[in-house]
């Protein structure tokens, strides 16, 4: 029969083994969580970077289109200043519409972000 000291020793050994395994499990879960977070952040960052590149190209194209339209309207009116003035007013009108619709724009961006994150999570499964 086991003595009380042997019983205590085996119980202490068992507790230490459980403690080591529990710490190992916690460390592995934390590492898995970090890797999942890094993956999601990386996918989001790459999409954001791609979106910024496309946005920059569209902005440059839009800039040249507006300048071209300003010159074209200026030639039609025989006044370059009038052409640029009309295009400036048009740009201000577009800006005003965007400012007035900011809640809808923010909401649509929020919904698109949520859909994107859900898609990333669905792709993981």
C-alpha atoms as a PDB file:
ATOM      1  CA  UNK A   1       0.000   0.000   0.000  1.00  0.00           C
ATOM      2  CA  UNK A   2       1.198   3.504  -0.755  1.00  0.00           C
ATOM      3  CA  UNK A   3       2.238   5.597   2.143  1.00  0.00           C
ATOM      4  CA  UNK A   4       0.866   9.071   2.693  1.00  0.00           C
ATOM      5  CA  UNK A   5       4.162  10.604   1.574  1.00  0.00           C
ATOM      6  CA  UNK A   6       4.183   8.609  -1.691  1.00  0.00           C
ATOM      7  CA  UNK A   7       0.547   9.514  -2.268  1.00  0.00           C
ATOM      8  CA  UNK A   8       1.341  13.199  -1.657  1.00  0.00           C
ATOM      9  CA  UNK A   9       4.370  12.990  -3.943  1.00  0.00           C
ATOM     10  CA  UNK A  10       2.426  11.442  -6.795  1.00  0.00           C
ATOM     11  CA  UNK A  11      -0.355  13.994  -6.319  1.00  0.00           C
ATOM     12  CA  UNK A  12       2.166  16.852  -6.432  1.00  0.00           C
ATOM     13  CA  UNK A  13       3.763  15.327  -9.522  1.00  0.00           C
ATOM     14  CA  UNK A  14       0.365  14.982 -11.151  1.00  0.00           C
ATOM     15  CA  UNK A  15      -0.519  18.601 -10.346  1.00  0.00           C
ATOM     16  CA  UNK A  16       2.814  19.795 -11.761  1.00  0.00           C
ATOM     17  CA  UNK A  17       2.254  17.804 -14.975  1.00  0.00           C
ATOM     18  CA  UNK A  18      -1.247  19.248 -15.341  1.00  0.00           C
ATOM     19  CA  UNK A  19       0.126  22.732 -14.687  1.00  0.00           C
ATOM     20  CA  UNK A  20       2.808  22.309 -17.382  1.00  0.00           C
ATOM     21  CA  UNK A  21       0.279  20.956 -19.878  1.00  0.00           C
ATOM     22  CA  UNK A  22      -2.176  23.755 -19.100  1.00  0.00           C
ATOM     23  CA  UNK A  23       0.506  26.417 -19.597  1.00  0.00           C
ATOM     24  CA  UNK A  24       1.548  24.757 -22.844  1.00  0.00           C
ATOM     25  CA  UNK A  25      -2.089  24.709 -24.013  1.00  0.00           C
ATOM     26  CA  UNK A  26      -2.580  28.389 -23.098  1.00  0.00           C
ATOM     27  CA  UNK A  27       0.614  29.384 -24.917  1.00  0.00           C
ATOM     28  CA  UNK A  28      -0.436  27.467 -28.028  1.00  0.00           C
ATOM     29  CA  UNK A  29      -3.912  29.042 -27.984  1.00  0.00           C
ATOM     30  CA  UNK A  30      -2.379  32.512 -27.648  1.00  0.00           C
ATOM     31  CA  UNK A  31      -0.020  31.807 -30.524  1.00  0.00           C
ATOM     32  CA  UNK A  32      -2.927  30.560 -32.663  1.00  0.00           C
ATOM     33  CA  UNK A  33      -4.914  33.689 -31.806  1.00  0.00           C
ATOM     34  CA  UNK A  34      -1.965  35.912 -32.768  1.00  0.00           C
ATOM     35  CA  UNK A  35      -1.472  34.070 -36.058  1.00  0.00           C
ATOM     36  CA  UNK A  36      -5.177  34.388 -36.898  1.00  0.00           C
ATOM     37  CA  UNK A  37      -5.075  38.095 -36.061  1.00  0.00           C
ATOM     38  CA  UNK A  38      -1.936  38.593 -38.180  1.00  0.00           C
ATOM     39  CA  UNK A  39      -3.571  36.803 -41.098  1.00  0.00           C
ATOM     40  CA  UNK A  40      -6.718  38.933 -40.940  1.00  0.00           C
ATOM     41  CA  UNK A  41      -4.738  42.154 -40.557  1.00  0.00           C
ATOM     42  CA  UNK A  42      -2.494  41.169 -43.484  1.00  0.00           C
ATOM     43  CA  UNK A  43      -5.439  40.415 -45.755  1.00  0.00           C
ATOM     44  CA  UNK A  44      -7.116  43.676 -44.766  1.00  0.00           C
ATOM     45  CA  UNK A  45      -3.912  45.661 -45.259  1.00  0.00           C
ATOM     46  CA  UNK A  46      -3.307  44.169 -48.692  1.00  0.00           C
ATOM     47  CA  UNK A  47      -6.869  44.992 -49.740  1.00  0.00           C
ATOM     48  CA  UNK A  48      -6.527  48.502 -48.345  1.00  0.00           C
ATOM     49  CA  UNK A  49      -3.225  48.999 -50.162  1.00  0.00           C
ATOM     50  CA  UNK A  50      -4.714  47.775 -53.429  1.00  0.00           C
ATOM     51  CA  UNK A  51      -7.700  50.068 -52.924  1.00  0.00           C
ATOM     52  CA  UNK A  52      -5.424  53.046 -52.298  1.00  0.00           C
ATOM     53  CA  UNK A  53      -3.438  52.329 -55.461  1.00  0.00           C
ATOM     54  CA  UNK A  54      -6.634  52.122 -57.519  1.00  0.00           C
ATOM     55  CA  UNK A  55      -7.938  55.288 -55.828  1.00  0.00           C
ATOM     56  CA  UNK A  56      -4.731  57.171 -56.647  1.00  0.00           C
ATOM     57  CA  UNK A  57      -4.908  56.123 -60.313  1.00  0.00           C
ATOM     58  CA  UNK A  58      -8.580  57.111 -60.513  1.00  0.00           C
ATOM     59  CA  UNK A  59      -7.757  60.473 -58.886  1.00  0.00           C
ATOM     60  CA  UNK A  60      -5.041  61.179 -61.461  1.00  0.00           C
ATOM     61  CA  UNK A  61      -7.361  60.224 -64.325  1.00  0.00           C
ATOM     62  CA  UNK A  62     -10.152  62.353 -62.866  1.00  0.00           C
ATOM     63  CA  UNK A  63      -7.738  65.275 -62.487  1.00  0.00           C
ATOM     64  CA  UNK A  64      -6.749  65.131 -66.148  1.00  0.00           C
ATOM     65  CA  UNK A  65     -10.357  64.705 -67.266  1.00  0.00           C
ATOM     66  CA  UNK A  66     -11.385  67.785 -65.272  1.00  0.00           C
ATOM     67  CA  UNK A  67      -8.474  69.825 -66.657  1.00  0.00           C
ATOM     68  CA  UNK A  68      -9.334  68.671 -70.186  1.00  0.00           C
ATOM     69  CA  UNK A  69     -12.984  69.554 -69.677  1.00  0.00           C
ATOM     70  CA  UNK A  70     -11.982  72.967 -68.325  1.00  0.00           C
ATOM     71  CA  UNK A  71      -9.915  73.668 -71.453  1.00  0.00           C
ATOM     72  CA  UNK A  72     -12.705  72.358 -73.689  1.00  0.00           C
ATOM     73  CA  UNK A  73     -15.381  74.491 -72.021  1.00  0.00           C
ATOM     74  CA  UNK A  74     -12.973  77.442 -72.054  1.00  0.00           C
ATOM     75  CA  UNK A  75     -12.562  77.138 -75.830  1.00  0.00           C
ATOM     76  CA  UNK A  76     -16.322  76.866 -76.335  1.00  0.00           C
ATOM     77  CA  UNK A  77     -16.855  80.059 -74.310  1.00  0.00           C
ATOM     78  CA  UNK A  78     -13.708  81.784 -75.647  1.00  0.00           C
ATOM     79  CA  UNK A  79     -12.513  82.234 -72.052  1.00  0.00           C
ATOM     80  CA  UNK A  80     -10.181  79.811 -70.284  1.00  0.00           C
ATOM     81  CA  UNK A  81     -11.074  81.393 -66.944  1.00  0.00           C
ATOM     82  CA  UNK A  82     -14.777  80.656 -67.514  1.00  0.00           C
ATOM     83  CA  UNK A  83     -13.989  77.026 -68.361  1.00  0.00           C
ATOM     84  CA  UNK A  84     -11.945  76.557 -65.204  1.00  0.00           C
ATOM     85  CA  UNK A  85     -14.557  78.425 -63.166  1.00  0.00           C
ATOM     86  CA  UNK A  86     -17.341  76.168 -64.394  1.00  0.00           C
ATOM     87  CA  UNK A  87     -15.308  73.056 -63.638  1.00  0.00           C
ATOM     88  CA  UNK A  88     -14.459  74.432 -60.172  1.00  0.00           C
ATOM     89  CA  UNK A  89     -18.153  75.010 -59.489  1.00  0.00           C
ATOM     90  CA  UNK A  90     -18.935  71.508 -60.729  1.00  0.00           C
ATOM     91  CA  UNK A  91     -16.274  70.073 -58.388  1.00  0.00           C
ATOM     92  CA  UNK A  92     -17.671  72.068 -55.464  1.00  0.00           C
ATOM     93  CA  UNK A  93     -21.169  70.797 -56.268  1.00  0.00           C
ATOM     94  CA  UNK A  94     -19.935  67.201 -56.229  1.00  0.00           C
ATOM     95  CA  UNK A  95     -18.140  67.868 -52.922  1.00  0.00           C
ATOM     96  CA  UNK A  96     -21.317  69.352 -51.435  1.00  0.00           C
ATOM     97  CA  UNK A  97     -23.345  66.297 -52.491  1.00  0.00           C
ATOM     98  CA  UNK A  98     -20.746  63.995 -50.914  1.00  0.00           C
ATOM     99  CA  UNK A  99     -20.776  65.991 -47.658  1.00  0.00           C
ATOM    100  CA  UNK A 100     -24.579  65.916 -47.540  1.00  0.00           C
ATOM    101  CA  UNK A 101     -24.619  62.142 -48.123  1.00  0.00           C
ATOM    102  CA  UNK A 102     -21.817  61.362 -45.656  1.00  0.00           C
ATOM    103  CA  UNK A 103     -23.994  59.203 -43.355  1.00  0.00           C
ATOM    104  CA  UNK A 104     -25.086  56.968 -46.226  1.00  0.00           C
ATOM    105  CA  UNK A 105     -21.516  56.780 -47.529  1.00  0.00           C
ATOM    106  CA  UNK A 106     -20.137  55.875 -44.089  1.00  0.00           C
ATOM    107  CA  UNK A 107     -22.850  53.262 -43.622  1.00  0.00           C
ATOM    108  CA  UNK A 108     -22.148  51.666 -46.991  1.00  0.00           C
ATOM    109  CA  UNK A 109     -18.409  51.553 -46.216  1.00  0.00           C
ATOM    110  CA  UNK A 110     -19.195  49.965 -42.843  1.00  0.00           C
ATOM    111  CA  UNK A 111     -21.404  47.319 -44.469  1.00  0.00           C
ATOM    112  CA  UNK A 112     -18.772  46.594 -47.108  1.00  0.00           C
ATOM    113  CA  UNK A 113     -16.141  46.178 -44.385  1.00  0.00           C
ATOM    114  CA  UNK A 114     -18.341  43.787 -42.420  1.00  0.00           C
ATOM    115  CA  UNK A 115     -19.057  41.752 -45.547  1.00  0.00           C
ATOM    116  CA  UNK A 116     -15.323  41.637 -46.323  1.00  0.00           C
ATOM    117  CA  UNK A 117     -14.440  40.437 -42.811  1.00  0.00           C
ATOM    118  CA  UNK A 118     -17.162  37.780 -42.923  1.00  0.00           C
ATOM    119  CA  UNK A 119     -15.848  36.621 -46.304  1.00  0.00           C
ATOM    120  CA  UNK A 120     -12.321  36.303 -44.866  1.00  0.00           C
ATOM    121  CA  UNK A 121     -13.665  34.278 -41.935  1.00  0.00           C
ATOM    122  CA  UNK A 122     -15.716  32.066 -44.277  1.00  0.00           C
ATOM    123  CA  UNK A 123     -12.647  31.416 -46.426  1.00  0.00           C
ATOM    124  CA  UNK A 124     -10.806  30.187 -43.327  1.00  0.00           C
ATOM    125  CA  UNK A 125     -13.424  27.508 -42.689  1.00  0.00           C
END
